[in-house]
Amino acid sequence: MDAMDAILTRRSTRNYRQDPVEKAKLQQILEAGRQAPSGGNSQKNHFLVIENREVLRKLITMTEAAFARMEADADTYPSLRHSIEASKRGGYVFCYNAPVLIVVANCREYGNNMADCACAIENMMIAANALDLGSCWINQLRWLNEEPALVQYLQTLGMKEEERVYGAVIIGYPAEGLPNRGRMAQKGNEVTFIS
């Protein structure tokens, strides 16, 4: 698959088989993330690759509890509101039971932290598609990046004290096979040429 095909056919996957992702494929995905551009070539991203099911279960429990304590109203960002409401109902699994969660942390005081993480995550999602794997951007840990218990737990997993989560991606084999790889209809993303 060439680069344009990998970009144009990438889709978010939210239902996964529990088969592990081969280490060689995971290494390629991580290398794609590590090669992403960063402000001033600072390369400050920190990738926490979580495959351990017990750790994933603990993160699921912690995020559900944190969101259940929050309130949402009509002005709350729709995806955040969904996370809060689903957590209050119970059984919310923010990472869709994917076998791999890659948390991307960066320095809190670094002005390009979000942009650098975003570039890395997009590279990893495109690489996953090229390797016939599913992926999905995960915002929930970023929304909770100042939740004390979650920060402390992530620090036990290797996140540094000066770091916070600015994005994450899940990776795995789609439960229903690869998603429709046709071109996505565009309903926004306006383009204006100034020639």
Protein backbone atom coordinates (compact mmCIF):
# COMPACT_ATOMS: atom_id res chain seq x y z
CA MET A 1 0.00 0.00 0.00
CA ASP A 2 1.49 3.34 -0.95
CA ALA A 3 1.42 6.37 1.34
CA MET A 4 -1.60 8.06 -0.27
CA ASP A 5 -3.64 4.85 -0.14
CA ALA A 6 -2.71 4.38 3.54
CA ILE A 7 -3.85 7.94 4.28
CA LEU A 8 -7.02 7.96 2.19
CA THR A 9 -8.28 4.55 3.33
CA ARG A 10 -7.62 4.85 7.07
CA ARG A 11 -10.75 4.51 9.22
CA SER A 12 -11.33 4.40 12.97
CA THR A 13 -11.93 0.95 14.42
CA ARG A 14 -13.92 0.53 17.64
CA ASN A 15 -14.35 -3.27 17.83
CA TYR A 16 -11.34 -5.57 18.11
CA ARG A 17 -10.37 -9.21 18.25
CA GLN A 18 -8.21 -10.09 21.23
CA ASP A 19 -5.36 -11.46 19.10
CA PRO A 20 -2.06 -9.85 20.09
CA VAL A 21 -0.36 -7.55 17.62
CA GLU A 22 2.90 -9.01 16.36
CA LYS A 23 5.97 -7.29 17.84
CA ALA A 24 7.41 -6.60 14.38
CA LYS A 25 4.25 -4.73 13.34
CA LEU A 26 4.10 -2.88 16.64
CA GLN A 27 7.73 -1.82 16.23
CA GLN A 28 6.96 -0.45 12.74
CA ILE A 29 3.99 1.51 14.10
CA LEU A 30 6.09 2.94 16.92
CA GLU A 31 8.87 3.88 14.52
CA ALA A 32 6.31 5.76 12.41
CA GLY A 33 5.29 7.66 15.55
CA ARG A 34 8.85 8.35 16.59
CA GLN A 35 9.68 9.70 13.12
CA ALA A 36 6.84 12.24 13.22
CA PRO A 37 7.77 15.92 13.07
CA SER A 38 8.15 17.81 16.33
CA GLY A 39 8.59 21.48 17.14
CA GLY A 40 12.25 22.40 16.67
CA ASN A 41 12.94 18.67 16.26
CA SER A 42 12.68 18.47 20.05
CA GLN A 43 11.47 14.83 20.03
CA LYS A 44 9.85 15.11 23.48
CA ASN A 45 7.10 12.50 22.99
CA HIS A 46 7.08 9.57 25.40
CA PHE A 47 5.27 6.43 24.15
CA LEU A 48 3.83 4.11 26.81
CA VAL A 49 2.89 0.90 24.99
CA ILE A 50 0.35 -0.98 27.10
CA GLU A 51 -0.42 -4.57 26.18
CA ASN A 52 -0.87 -5.93 29.71
CA ARG A 53 -4.56 -6.77 30.17
CA GLU A 54 -4.51 -6.12 33.93
CA VAL A 55 -3.08 -2.65 33.37
CA LEU A 56 -5.68 -1.98 30.67
CA ARG A 57 -8.48 -3.13 33.02
CA LYS A 58 -7.20 -0.84 35.78
CA LEU A 59 -7.09 2.13 33.39
CA ILE A 60 -10.63 1.33 32.23
CA THR A 61 -11.85 1.26 35.85
CA MET A 62 -10.02 4.46 36.76
CA THR A 63 -11.23 6.43 33.72
CA GLU A 64 -14.82 5.31 34.20
CA ALA A 65 -14.73 6.39 37.86
CA ALA A 66 -13.19 9.77 36.97
CA PHE A 67 -15.73 10.51 34.23
CA ALA A 68 -18.63 9.36 36.44
CA ARG A 69 -17.68 12.10 38.94
CA MET A 70 -17.91 14.78 36.23
CA GLU A 71 -20.97 16.68 35.05
CA ALA A 72 -21.95 17.47 31.48
CA ASP A 73 -24.45 19.85 29.94
CA ALA A 74 -25.57 20.79 26.43
CA ASP A 75 -22.40 22.88 25.92
CA THR A 76 -20.01 20.04 26.79
CA TYR A 77 -18.00 18.76 23.83
CA PRO A 78 -20.13 15.85 22.47
CA SER A 79 -17.50 13.13 22.77
CA LEU A 80 -16.60 14.19 26.32
CA ARG A 81 -20.31 14.32 27.20
CA HIS A 82 -20.66 10.76 25.84
CA SER A 83 -17.78 9.57 28.04
CA ILE A 84 -19.34 11.17 31.12
CA GLU A 85 -22.84 9.85 30.45
CA ALA A 86 -21.63 6.34 29.56
CA SER A 87 -19.50 6.24 32.71
CA LYS A 88 -22.45 7.24 34.87
CA ARG A 89 -24.46 4.34 33.34
CA GLY A 90 -21.57 1.94 34.03
CA GLY A 91 -19.59 -0.45 31.87
CA TYR A 92 -17.77 2.26 29.92
CA VAL A 93 -14.63 0.99 28.14
CA PHE A 94 -12.78 4.00 26.74
CA CYS A 95 -10.31 1.88 24.74
CA TYR A 96 -12.87 -0.43 23.07
CA ASN A 97 -11.11 -3.54 24.43
CA ALA A 98 -8.27 -3.17 21.92
CA PRO A 99 -5.24 -5.32 22.74
CA VAL A 100 -2.80 -2.39 22.53
CA LEU A 101 -3.09 1.12 23.92
CA ILE A 102 -0.27 3.52 23.09
CA VAL A 103 -0.35 6.52 25.42
CA VAL A 104 1.58 9.52 24.14
CA ALA A 105 2.84 11.83 26.86
CA ASN A 106 4.87 14.99 26.59
CA CYS A 107 6.24 17.72 28.85
CA ARG A 108 3.55 19.88 30.47
CA GLU A 109 5.54 23.08 30.03
CA TYR A 110 6.43 22.48 26.38
CA GLY A 111 4.32 24.68 24.12
CA ASN A 112 4.10 22.18 21.25
CA ASN A 113 3.12 19.14 23.35
CA MET A 114 -0.31 18.60 21.81
CA ALA A 115 0.82 19.18 18.22
CA ASP A 116 3.81 16.85 18.54
CA CYS A 117 1.63 14.09 20.02
CA ALA A 118 -0.98 14.61 17.30
CA CYS A 119 1.61 14.22 14.53
CA ALA A 120 2.93 11.02 16.11
CA ILE A 121 -0.53 9.51 16.59
CA GLU A 122 -1.57 10.24 13.02
CA ASN A 123 1.62 8.61 11.72
CA MET A 124 0.91 5.54 13.86
CA MET A 125 -2.69 5.27 12.64
CA ILE A 126 -1.59 5.46 9.00
CA ALA A 127 1.12 2.86 9.62
CA ALA A 128 -1.43 0.58 11.31
CA ASN A 129 -3.69 0.85 8.27
CA ALA A 130 -0.81 0.00 5.94
CA LEU A 131 -0.18 -3.10 8.08
CA ASP A 132 -3.85 -4.20 7.90
CA LEU A 133 -4.50 -3.28 11.53
CA GLY A 134 -7.27 -1.14 12.98
CA SER A 135 -6.68 1.94 15.07
CA CYS A 136 -8.59 4.75 16.75
CA TRP A 137 -7.55 8.02 18.34
CA ILE A 138 -8.32 8.03 22.08
CA ASN A 139 -8.89 11.40 23.81
CA GLN A 140 -10.13 10.23 27.20
CA LEU A 141 -6.76 10.11 28.98
CA ARG A 142 -5.95 13.61 27.70
CA TRP A 143 -9.22 14.90 29.13
CA LEU A 144 -8.13 13.42 32.46
CA ASN A 145 -4.48 14.46 32.27
CA GLU A 146 -4.66 16.30 35.60
CA GLU A 147 -6.69 13.64 37.44
CA PRO A 148 -4.35 12.96 40.41
CA ALA A 149 -4.96 9.21 40.80
CA LEU A 150 -4.63 8.58 37.07
CA VAL A 151 -1.47 10.69 36.79
CA GLN A 152 0.04 8.82 39.73
CA TYR A 153 -0.84 5.44 38.23
CA LEU A 154 0.63 6.41 34.84
CA GLN A 155 3.79 7.49 36.65
CA THR A 156 4.08 3.98 38.10
CA LEU A 157 4.00 2.77 34.49
CA GLY A 158 6.86 5.06 33.46
CA MET A 159 5.38 8.48 32.73
CA LYS A 160 7.69 11.15 34.13
CA GLU A 161 6.57 13.67 36.73
CA GLU A 162 6.84 16.59 34.31
CA GLU A 163 4.81 14.77 31.63
CA ARG A 164 1.10 14.56 30.94
CA VAL A 165 -0.94 12.63 28.37
CA TYR A 166 -1.81 14.58 25.23
CA GLY A 167 -3.29 11.73 23.21
CA ALA A 168 -3.43 7.98 22.76
CA VAL A 169 -4.16 5.43 20.07
CA ILE A 170 -5.51 1.91 20.19
CA ILE A 171 -4.23 -0.76 17.82
CA GLY A 172 -5.45 -4.25 16.97
CA TYR A 173 -7.12 -6.55 14.51
CA PRO A 174 -10.66 -5.40 13.69
CA ALA A 175 -13.35 -7.82 14.89
CA GLU A 176 -15.29 -7.62 11.63
CA GLY A 177 -12.32 -7.52 9.30
CA LEU A 178 -10.93 -4.36 7.82
CA PRO A 179 -13.35 -1.43 7.59
CA ASN A 180 -14.60 -0.14 4.27
CA ARG A 181 -11.54 1.26 2.62
CA GLY A 182 -13.36 3.47 0.13
CA ARG A 183 -12.75 7.19 0.18
CA MET A 184 -14.64 8.99 2.91
CA ALA A 185 -17.23 11.54 1.83
CA GLN A 186 -16.19 15.00 2.95
CA LYS A 187 -18.68 17.20 4.80
CA GLY A 188 -16.21 19.85 5.93
CA ASN A 189 -12.52 20.67 5.82
CA GLU A 190 -12.94 23.58 3.43
CA VAL A 191 -10.06 24.45 1.11
CA THR A 192 -9.41 27.98 -0.16
CA PHE A 193 -6.67 28.62 -2.72
CA ILE A 194 -5.01 32.02 -2.75
CA SER A 195 -3.02 32.14 -5.99
